N, C-alpha and C. Protein backbone atom coordinates (compact mmCIF):
# COMPACT_ATOMS: atom_id res chain seq x y z
N MET A 1 0.84 -1.18 0.00
CA MET A 1 0.00 0.00 0.00
C MET A 1 0.89 1.25 0.00
N ARG A 2 0.54 2.21 -0.82
CA ARG A 2 1.25 3.49 -0.84
C ARG A 2 0.47 4.49 -0.01
N VAL A 3 1.18 5.28 0.76
CA VAL A 3 0.58 6.30 1.61
C VAL A 3 1.24 7.63 1.30
N ARG A 4 0.43 8.66 1.16
CA ARG A 4 0.95 10.02 0.95
C ARG A 4 0.27 10.96 1.93
N VAL A 5 0.98 12.04 2.27
CA VAL A 5 0.48 13.04 3.20
C VAL A 5 0.52 14.39 2.52
N GLY A 6 -0.50 15.20 2.75
CA GLY A 6 -0.53 16.56 2.21
C GLY A 6 -0.88 17.55 3.28
N GLN A 7 -0.40 18.77 3.11
CA GLN A 7 -0.67 19.85 4.05
C GLN A 7 -1.45 20.95 3.34
N GLY A 8 -2.43 21.50 4.01
CA GLY A 8 -3.21 22.60 3.46
C GLY A 8 -3.24 23.77 4.42
N PHE A 9 -3.43 24.95 3.87
CA PHE A 9 -3.51 26.17 4.68
C PHE A 9 -4.47 27.14 3.99
N ASP A 10 -5.23 27.87 4.80
CA ASP A 10 -6.05 28.95 4.26
C ASP A 10 -6.22 30.02 5.33
N VAL A 11 -6.38 31.25 4.89
CA VAL A 11 -6.62 32.38 5.79
C VAL A 11 -7.50 33.39 5.07
N HIS A 12 -8.43 33.97 5.80
CA HIS A 12 -9.31 35.01 5.25
C HIS A 12 -9.51 36.09 6.31
N PRO A 13 -9.62 37.35 5.89
CA PRO A 13 -9.89 38.42 6.85
C PRO A 13 -11.38 38.51 7.20
N PHE A 14 -11.65 38.95 8.40
CA PHE A 14 -13.04 39.23 8.79
C PHE A 14 -13.49 40.55 8.18
N ILE A 15 -14.77 40.60 7.82
CA ILE A 15 -15.39 41.83 7.32
C ILE A 15 -16.72 42.02 8.03
N ASP A 16 -17.17 43.25 8.09
CA ASP A 16 -18.49 43.55 8.62
C ASP A 16 -19.44 43.66 7.44
N ASP A 17 -20.21 42.59 7.20
CA ASP A 17 -21.17 42.56 6.10
C ASP A 17 -22.37 41.76 6.57
N PRO A 18 -23.44 42.45 6.95
CA PRO A 18 -24.61 41.75 7.49
C PRO A 18 -25.29 40.82 6.47
N ASP A 19 -24.98 40.97 5.20
CA ASP A 19 -25.60 40.13 4.17
C ASP A 19 -24.79 38.87 3.86
N ARG A 20 -23.61 38.77 4.45
CA ARG A 20 -22.73 37.63 4.18
C ARG A 20 -22.65 36.75 5.42
N PRO A 21 -22.93 35.45 5.30
CA PRO A 21 -22.85 34.58 6.48
C PRO A 21 -21.41 34.20 6.81
N LEU A 22 -21.17 33.91 8.08
CA LEU A 22 -19.89 33.36 8.52
C LEU A 22 -20.02 31.85 8.46
N VAL A 23 -19.22 31.23 7.58
CA VAL A 23 -19.28 29.78 7.39
C VAL A 23 -17.93 29.18 7.76
N LEU A 24 -17.96 28.21 8.65
CA LEU A 24 -16.75 27.47 9.06
C LEU A 24 -17.09 25.99 9.12
N GLY A 25 -16.36 25.19 8.39
CA GLY A 25 -16.61 23.75 8.39
C GLY A 25 -17.99 23.41 7.88
N GLY A 26 -18.53 24.25 7.00
CA GLY A 26 -19.85 24.02 6.44
C GLY A 26 -20.99 24.43 7.33
N VAL A 27 -20.68 24.98 8.50
CA VAL A 27 -21.70 25.42 9.46
C VAL A 27 -21.80 26.94 9.43
N VAL A 28 -23.02 27.45 9.36
CA VAL A 28 -23.25 28.89 9.39
C VAL A 28 -23.36 29.32 10.85
N PHE A 29 -22.51 30.27 11.23
CA PHE A 29 -22.50 30.78 12.60
C PHE A 29 -23.30 32.07 12.66
N ASP A 30 -24.00 32.26 13.77
CA ASP A 30 -24.73 33.50 14.02
C ASP A 30 -23.73 34.52 14.55
N ASP A 31 -23.16 35.31 13.65
CA ASP A 31 -22.10 36.24 14.01
C ASP A 31 -22.24 37.46 13.11
N PRO A 32 -22.04 38.65 13.64
CA PRO A 32 -22.18 39.84 12.79
C PRO A 32 -21.06 40.01 11.78
N ARG A 33 -19.96 39.28 11.97
CA ARG A 33 -18.85 39.37 11.03
C ARG A 33 -18.80 38.12 10.17
N ALA A 34 -18.25 38.28 8.99
CA ALA A 34 -18.08 37.16 8.07
C ALA A 34 -16.64 37.17 7.59
N LEU A 35 -16.28 36.15 6.85
CA LEU A 35 -14.95 36.10 6.24
C LEU A 35 -15.06 36.54 4.79
N ALA A 36 -14.14 37.40 4.38
CA ALA A 36 -14.11 37.88 3.00
C ALA A 36 -13.50 36.82 2.10
N GLY A 37 -14.03 36.69 0.91
CA GLY A 37 -13.47 35.75 -0.05
C GLY A 37 -14.34 35.63 -1.27
N HIS A 38 -13.80 35.02 -2.31
CA HIS A 38 -14.52 34.85 -3.58
C HIS A 38 -15.67 33.86 -3.41
N SER A 39 -15.40 32.76 -2.69
CA SER A 39 -16.44 31.77 -2.40
C SER A 39 -17.08 32.16 -1.07
N ASP A 40 -17.56 31.17 -0.31
CA ASP A 40 -18.10 31.48 1.01
C ASP A 40 -17.00 31.67 2.05
N ALA A 41 -15.73 31.52 1.63
CA ALA A 41 -14.54 31.79 2.46
C ALA A 41 -14.42 30.87 3.67
N ASP A 42 -14.87 29.64 3.54
CA ASP A 42 -14.79 28.66 4.62
C ASP A 42 -13.34 28.17 4.73
N VAL A 43 -12.57 28.77 5.65
CA VAL A 43 -11.15 28.45 5.76
C VAL A 43 -10.90 26.98 6.09
N ILE A 44 -11.81 26.36 6.81
CA ILE A 44 -11.61 24.96 7.19
C ILE A 44 -11.75 24.06 5.95
N ALA A 45 -12.84 24.23 5.22
CA ALA A 45 -13.05 23.42 4.01
C ALA A 45 -11.93 23.66 3.00
N HIS A 46 -11.47 24.90 2.87
CA HIS A 46 -10.40 25.22 1.92
C HIS A 46 -9.09 24.55 2.31
N ALA A 47 -8.73 24.61 3.58
CA ALA A 47 -7.48 23.98 4.04
C ALA A 47 -7.55 22.47 3.87
N CYS A 48 -8.71 21.87 4.15
CA CYS A 48 -8.88 20.42 3.97
C CYS A 48 -8.74 20.06 2.49
N ALA A 49 -9.34 20.86 1.62
CA ALA A 49 -9.24 20.60 0.18
C ALA A 49 -7.79 20.68 -0.29
N ASP A 50 -7.08 21.71 0.16
CA ASP A 50 -5.67 21.86 -0.23
C ASP A 50 -4.82 20.70 0.27
N ALA A 51 -5.11 20.22 1.49
CA ALA A 51 -4.35 19.08 2.03
C ALA A 51 -4.59 17.83 1.19
N LEU A 52 -5.83 17.58 0.81
CA LEU A 52 -6.14 16.41 -0.01
C LEU A 52 -5.50 16.52 -1.39
N LEU A 53 -5.61 17.68 -2.01
CA LEU A 53 -5.01 17.88 -3.33
C LEU A 53 -3.50 17.68 -3.28
N GLY A 54 -2.87 18.24 -2.25
CA GLY A 54 -1.43 18.08 -2.11
C GLY A 54 -1.02 16.64 -1.91
N ALA A 55 -1.77 15.92 -1.09
CA ALA A 55 -1.44 14.52 -0.83
C ALA A 55 -1.53 13.69 -2.11
N ALA A 56 -2.49 14.02 -2.96
CA ALA A 56 -2.68 13.27 -4.20
C ALA A 56 -1.80 13.80 -5.34
N GLY A 57 -1.04 14.86 -5.08
CA GLY A 57 -0.19 15.43 -6.12
C GLY A 57 -0.98 16.16 -7.19
N LEU A 58 -2.10 16.75 -6.81
CA LEU A 58 -3.00 17.39 -7.77
C LEU A 58 -2.99 18.92 -7.70
N GLY A 59 -1.94 19.49 -7.15
CA GLY A 59 -1.87 20.96 -7.10
C GLY A 59 -2.56 21.53 -5.89
N ASP A 60 -3.21 22.68 -6.10
CA ASP A 60 -3.89 23.34 -4.98
C ASP A 60 -5.27 23.81 -5.39
N ILE A 61 -6.01 24.28 -4.40
CA ILE A 61 -7.39 24.67 -4.61
C ILE A 61 -7.53 25.81 -5.63
N GLY A 62 -6.55 26.72 -5.66
CA GLY A 62 -6.58 27.82 -6.60
C GLY A 62 -6.46 27.38 -8.05
N GLU A 63 -5.79 26.27 -8.29
CA GLU A 63 -5.67 25.74 -9.64
C GLU A 63 -6.99 25.14 -10.12
N HIS A 64 -7.72 24.52 -9.21
CA HIS A 64 -8.97 23.84 -9.56
C HIS A 64 -10.17 24.77 -9.53
N PHE A 65 -10.16 25.75 -8.62
CA PHE A 65 -11.29 26.66 -8.45
C PHE A 65 -10.77 28.10 -8.31
N PRO A 66 -10.23 28.67 -9.39
CA PRO A 66 -9.57 29.98 -9.28
C PRO A 66 -10.55 31.11 -8.90
N ASP A 67 -10.04 32.02 -8.07
CA ASP A 67 -10.89 33.14 -7.65
C ASP A 67 -11.07 34.18 -8.76
N THR A 68 -10.47 33.94 -9.90
CA THR A 68 -10.67 34.81 -11.07
C THR A 68 -11.82 34.31 -11.94
N ASP A 69 -12.36 33.13 -11.61
CA ASP A 69 -13.45 32.54 -12.38
C ASP A 69 -14.78 32.88 -11.72
N PRO A 70 -15.64 33.64 -12.40
CA PRO A 70 -16.92 34.01 -11.80
C PRO A 70 -17.81 32.81 -11.45
N ALA A 71 -17.53 31.65 -12.03
CA ALA A 71 -18.33 30.46 -11.73
C ALA A 71 -18.23 30.07 -10.26
N TRP A 72 -17.13 30.45 -9.61
CA TRP A 72 -16.93 30.06 -8.22
C TRP A 72 -17.31 31.16 -7.23
N ALA A 73 -17.81 32.28 -7.71
CA ALA A 73 -18.22 33.37 -6.81
C ALA A 73 -19.33 32.89 -5.89
N GLY A 74 -19.11 33.04 -4.60
CA GLY A 74 -20.10 32.64 -3.61
C GLY A 74 -20.26 31.14 -3.47
N ALA A 75 -19.34 30.36 -4.04
CA ALA A 75 -19.47 28.89 -4.02
C ALA A 75 -19.52 28.34 -2.61
N ASP A 76 -20.27 27.25 -2.46
CA ASP A 76 -20.36 26.49 -1.21
C ASP A 76 -19.09 25.65 -1.10
N SER A 77 -18.27 25.95 -0.12
CA SER A 77 -16.97 25.28 0.01
C SER A 77 -17.09 23.81 0.38
N ILE A 78 -18.18 23.40 1.00
CA ILE A 78 -18.38 21.97 1.27
C ILE A 78 -18.57 21.25 -0.07
N GLY A 79 -19.27 21.88 -0.99
CA GLY A 79 -19.41 21.31 -2.33
C GLY A 79 -18.07 21.23 -3.05
N LEU A 80 -17.24 22.26 -2.89
CA LEU A 80 -15.90 22.24 -3.49
C LEU A 80 -15.07 21.12 -2.88
N LEU A 81 -15.17 20.94 -1.57
CA LEU A 81 -14.42 19.88 -0.89
C LEU A 81 -14.87 18.50 -1.39
N ALA A 82 -16.16 18.31 -1.58
CA ALA A 82 -16.66 17.04 -2.11
C ALA A 82 -16.13 16.81 -3.52
N GLU A 83 -16.05 17.86 -4.32
CA GLU A 83 -15.51 17.73 -5.67
C GLU A 83 -14.02 17.40 -5.63
N VAL A 84 -13.30 18.00 -4.69
CA VAL A 84 -11.88 17.66 -4.52
C VAL A 84 -11.73 16.19 -4.18
N ALA A 85 -12.54 15.69 -3.25
CA ALA A 85 -12.47 14.27 -2.88
C ALA A 85 -12.76 13.39 -4.09
N ARG A 86 -13.71 13.80 -4.92
CA ARG A 86 -14.01 13.04 -6.14
C ARG A 86 -12.80 13.00 -7.07
N ARG A 87 -12.12 14.16 -7.23
CA ARG A 87 -10.95 14.24 -8.09
C ARG A 87 -9.78 13.42 -7.54
N VAL A 88 -9.63 13.42 -6.22
CA VAL A 88 -8.58 12.61 -5.58
C VAL A 88 -8.83 11.14 -5.87
N ARG A 89 -10.08 10.71 -5.74
CA ARG A 89 -10.41 9.30 -6.02
C ARG A 89 -10.22 8.99 -7.52
N ALA A 90 -10.59 9.92 -8.38
CA ALA A 90 -10.42 9.71 -9.82
C ALA A 90 -8.95 9.56 -10.19
N ALA A 91 -8.06 10.15 -9.39
CA ALA A 91 -6.62 10.03 -9.62
C ALA A 91 -6.05 8.76 -9.00
N GLY A 92 -6.92 7.93 -8.41
CA GLY A 92 -6.47 6.64 -7.89
C GLY A 92 -6.12 6.63 -6.41
N TRP A 93 -6.44 7.71 -5.69
CA TRP A 93 -6.13 7.78 -4.27
C TRP A 93 -7.40 7.72 -3.45
N GLU A 94 -7.29 7.18 -2.25
CA GLU A 94 -8.43 7.11 -1.33
C GLU A 94 -8.11 7.94 -0.09
N PRO A 95 -8.95 8.95 0.20
CA PRO A 95 -8.73 9.73 1.42
C PRO A 95 -8.81 8.82 2.65
N GLY A 96 -7.81 8.96 3.54
CA GLY A 96 -7.80 8.19 4.78
C GLY A 96 -8.39 8.99 5.92
N ASN A 97 -7.88 10.21 6.09
CA ASN A 97 -8.43 11.12 7.09
C ASN A 97 -7.84 12.52 6.85
N VAL A 98 -8.49 13.51 7.45
CA VAL A 98 -8.00 14.88 7.42
C VAL A 98 -8.11 15.43 8.84
N ASP A 99 -7.08 16.13 9.27
CA ASP A 99 -7.07 16.76 10.60
C ASP A 99 -6.83 18.25 10.40
N ALA A 100 -7.73 19.07 10.95
CA ALA A 100 -7.67 20.52 10.76
C ALA A 100 -7.53 21.25 12.08
N SER A 101 -6.65 22.26 12.10
CA SER A 101 -6.48 23.13 13.27
C SER A 101 -6.84 24.55 12.85
N VAL A 102 -7.87 25.10 13.48
CA VAL A 102 -8.38 26.43 13.16
C VAL A 102 -7.86 27.41 14.20
N VAL A 103 -7.38 28.57 13.76
CA VAL A 103 -6.88 29.58 14.67
C VAL A 103 -7.77 30.82 14.57
N THR A 104 -8.52 31.06 15.64
CA THR A 104 -9.40 32.23 15.74
C THR A 104 -9.90 32.34 17.18
N ASP A 105 -10.19 33.56 17.61
CA ASP A 105 -10.78 33.76 18.93
C ASP A 105 -12.30 33.69 18.89
N HIS A 106 -12.86 33.97 17.72
CA HIS A 106 -14.31 33.90 17.59
C HIS A 106 -14.66 33.49 16.18
N PRO A 107 -15.75 32.83 16.01
CA PRO A 107 -16.66 32.38 17.05
C PRO A 107 -16.07 31.19 17.80
N LYS A 108 -16.69 30.85 18.90
CA LYS A 108 -16.28 29.66 19.64
C LYS A 108 -16.67 28.43 18.81
N LEU A 109 -15.71 27.56 18.54
CA LEU A 109 -15.94 26.42 17.67
C LEU A 109 -16.50 25.20 18.39
N ALA A 110 -16.18 25.05 19.67
CA ALA A 110 -16.55 23.82 20.40
C ALA A 110 -18.03 23.47 20.29
N PRO A 111 -18.96 24.43 20.42
CA PRO A 111 -20.38 24.05 20.33
C PRO A 111 -20.78 23.49 18.96
N ALA A 112 -20.04 23.80 17.91
CA ALA A 112 -20.39 23.35 16.56
C ALA A 112 -19.42 22.30 16.03
N ARG A 113 -18.43 21.90 16.83
CA ARG A 113 -17.39 20.99 16.35
C ARG A 113 -17.96 19.70 15.76
N THR A 114 -18.87 19.04 16.46
CA THR A 114 -19.42 17.78 15.97
C THR A 114 -20.13 17.98 14.64
N HIS A 115 -20.92 19.03 14.52
CA HIS A 115 -21.64 19.32 13.28
C HIS A 115 -20.66 19.61 12.14
N MET A 116 -19.61 20.39 12.41
CA MET A 116 -18.60 20.67 11.40
C MET A 116 -17.92 19.37 10.94
N GLN A 117 -17.53 18.55 11.89
CA GLN A 117 -16.85 17.30 11.55
C GLN A 117 -17.75 16.39 10.73
N GLU A 118 -19.04 16.35 11.04
CA GLU A 118 -19.98 15.53 10.27
C GLU A 118 -20.08 16.03 8.84
N LYS A 119 -20.21 17.35 8.65
CA LYS A 119 -20.35 17.92 7.31
C LYS A 119 -19.07 17.72 6.49
N LEU A 120 -17.93 17.98 7.10
CA LEU A 120 -16.65 17.82 6.41
C LEU A 120 -16.39 16.35 6.08
N SER A 121 -16.65 15.46 7.02
CA SER A 121 -16.43 14.02 6.80
C SER A 121 -17.34 13.50 5.69
N ALA A 122 -18.58 13.96 5.65
CA ALA A 122 -19.49 13.53 4.59
C ALA A 122 -18.98 13.98 3.22
N ALA A 123 -18.45 15.19 3.16
CA ALA A 123 -17.93 15.71 1.88
C ALA A 123 -16.70 14.93 1.42
N VAL A 124 -15.83 14.58 2.35
CA VAL A 124 -14.59 13.87 2.02
C VAL A 124 -14.83 12.38 1.84
N GLY A 125 -15.78 11.83 2.57
CA GLY A 125 -16.00 10.39 2.54
C GLY A 125 -15.00 9.66 3.42
N ALA A 126 -14.46 10.37 4.39
CA ALA A 126 -13.47 9.84 5.34
C ALA A 126 -13.51 10.74 6.57
N PRO A 127 -12.97 10.28 7.70
CA PRO A 127 -13.01 11.10 8.91
C PRO A 127 -12.24 12.43 8.77
N VAL A 128 -12.90 13.49 9.24
CA VAL A 128 -12.26 14.81 9.33
C VAL A 128 -12.44 15.28 10.77
N THR A 129 -11.33 15.65 11.39
CA THR A 129 -11.38 16.20 12.75
C THR A 129 -11.04 17.68 12.70
N VAL A 130 -11.65 18.43 13.62
CA VAL A 130 -11.45 19.88 13.70
C VAL A 130 -11.05 20.23 15.13
N LYS A 131 -9.97 20.99 15.25
CA LYS A 131 -9.53 21.47 16.55
C LYS A 131 -9.45 22.99 16.49
N GLY A 132 -9.86 23.64 17.56
CA GLY A 132 -9.77 25.09 17.64
C GLY A 132 -8.56 25.51 18.46
N ARG A 133 -7.91 26.55 18.00
CA ARG A 133 -6.76 27.12 18.71
C ARG A 133 -6.97 28.62 18.83
N ARG A 134 -6.66 29.17 19.98
CA ARG A 134 -6.75 30.62 20.18
C ARG A 134 -5.40 31.25 19.89
N PRO A 135 -5.40 32.41 19.25
CA PRO A 135 -4.13 33.06 18.91
C PRO A 135 -3.49 33.81 20.07
N GLU A 136 -4.16 33.84 21.22
CA GLU A 136 -3.59 34.44 22.43
C GLU A 136 -3.11 35.87 22.24
N GLY A 137 -3.83 36.63 21.41
CA GLY A 137 -3.51 38.05 21.23
C GLY A 137 -2.34 38.33 20.31
N LEU A 138 -1.78 37.31 19.67
CA LEU A 138 -0.60 37.49 18.83
C LEU A 138 -0.97 37.79 17.38
N GLY A 139 -0.39 38.82 16.83
CA GLY A 139 -0.51 39.14 15.42
C GLY A 139 -1.92 39.48 14.96
N ALA A 140 -2.11 39.44 13.64
CA ALA A 140 -3.39 39.79 13.04
C ALA A 140 -4.51 38.88 13.53
N LEU A 141 -4.23 37.59 13.68
CA LEU A 141 -5.26 36.67 14.17
C LEU A 141 -5.61 37.00 15.61
N GLY A 142 -4.62 37.35 16.40
CA GLY A 142 -4.85 37.72 17.80
C GLY A 142 -5.63 39.01 17.96
N ARG A 143 -5.53 39.88 16.97
CA ARG A 143 -6.30 41.13 16.98
C ARG A 143 -7.70 40.92 16.40
N GLY A 144 -8.02 39.69 16.03
CA GLY A 144 -9.35 39.38 15.50
C GLY A 144 -9.56 39.84 14.07
N GLU A 145 -8.47 39.97 13.31
CA GLU A 145 -8.58 40.47 11.94
C GLU A 145 -8.96 39.38 10.94
N GLY A 146 -8.86 38.12 11.35
CA GLY A 146 -9.20 37.04 10.43
C GLY A 146 -9.15 35.70 11.12
N ALA A 147 -9.29 34.67 10.31
CA ALA A 147 -9.23 33.28 10.79
C ALA A 147 -8.33 32.51 9.84
N ALA A 148 -7.63 31.53 10.38
CA ALA A 148 -6.75 30.69 9.57
C ALA A 148 -6.97 29.23 9.94
N CYS A 149 -6.58 28.35 9.02
CA CYS A 149 -6.69 26.92 9.27
C CYS A 149 -5.55 26.20 8.58
N TRP A 150 -4.95 25.26 9.31
CA TRP A 150 -3.95 24.34 8.78
C TRP A 150 -4.58 22.97 8.79
N ALA A 151 -4.34 22.19 7.77
CA ALA A 151 -4.91 20.83 7.70
C ALA A 151 -3.85 19.87 7.16
N VAL A 152 -3.96 18.63 7.59
CA VAL A 152 -3.10 17.55 7.11
C VAL A 152 -4.02 16.42 6.66
N ALA A 153 -3.72 15.85 5.49
CA ALA A 153 -4.53 14.75 4.96
C ALA A 153 -3.64 13.56 4.62
N VAL A 154 -4.21 12.39 4.78
CA VAL A 154 -3.55 11.15 4.38
C VAL A 154 -4.40 10.53 3.27
N VAL A 155 -3.72 10.10 2.21
CA VAL A 155 -4.40 9.35 1.15
C VAL A 155 -3.63 8.06 0.93
N THR A 156 -4.32 7.03 0.47
CA THR A 156 -3.70 5.74 0.24
C THR A 156 -4.05 5.23 -1.15
N ARG A 157 -3.19 4.31 -1.62
CA ARG A 157 -3.43 3.61 -2.89
C ARG A 157 -2.98 2.18 -2.69
N ALA A 158 -3.83 1.25 -3.09
CA ALA A 158 -3.49 -0.18 -2.93
C ALA A 158 -2.34 -0.59 -3.83
């Protein structure tokens, strides 16, 4: 059996836009701030997608869903993640698991963690875990200017 590992990263700034939802891990949070981005700016789904693409040697999320393409404007990132998993399988790899670490002070992720993990795991077709980390006041993330996520994925081939 061949095993490969990929790493993903995404970051988006917070914006004050009452018409834009805050989406993390496919879950809409009741929060007055949202993340800016071409799609729904779900940093967790984006980092997971990048990790899977990297593990399979398929490039990155920007190559597959460029922010210069109007077709992806406002896209549902859980749908993009499911499409990434489909492409990974089409390339002969099977997702084993994805582990994501989110860095933000708000919103609090723990109350929605199970729901996020269920949505992400369903999209990938393999277990996805989500962990929250506080930036402890350090840098732009510590000032509440945005949210970031790092993810690691394992894929296998028989």
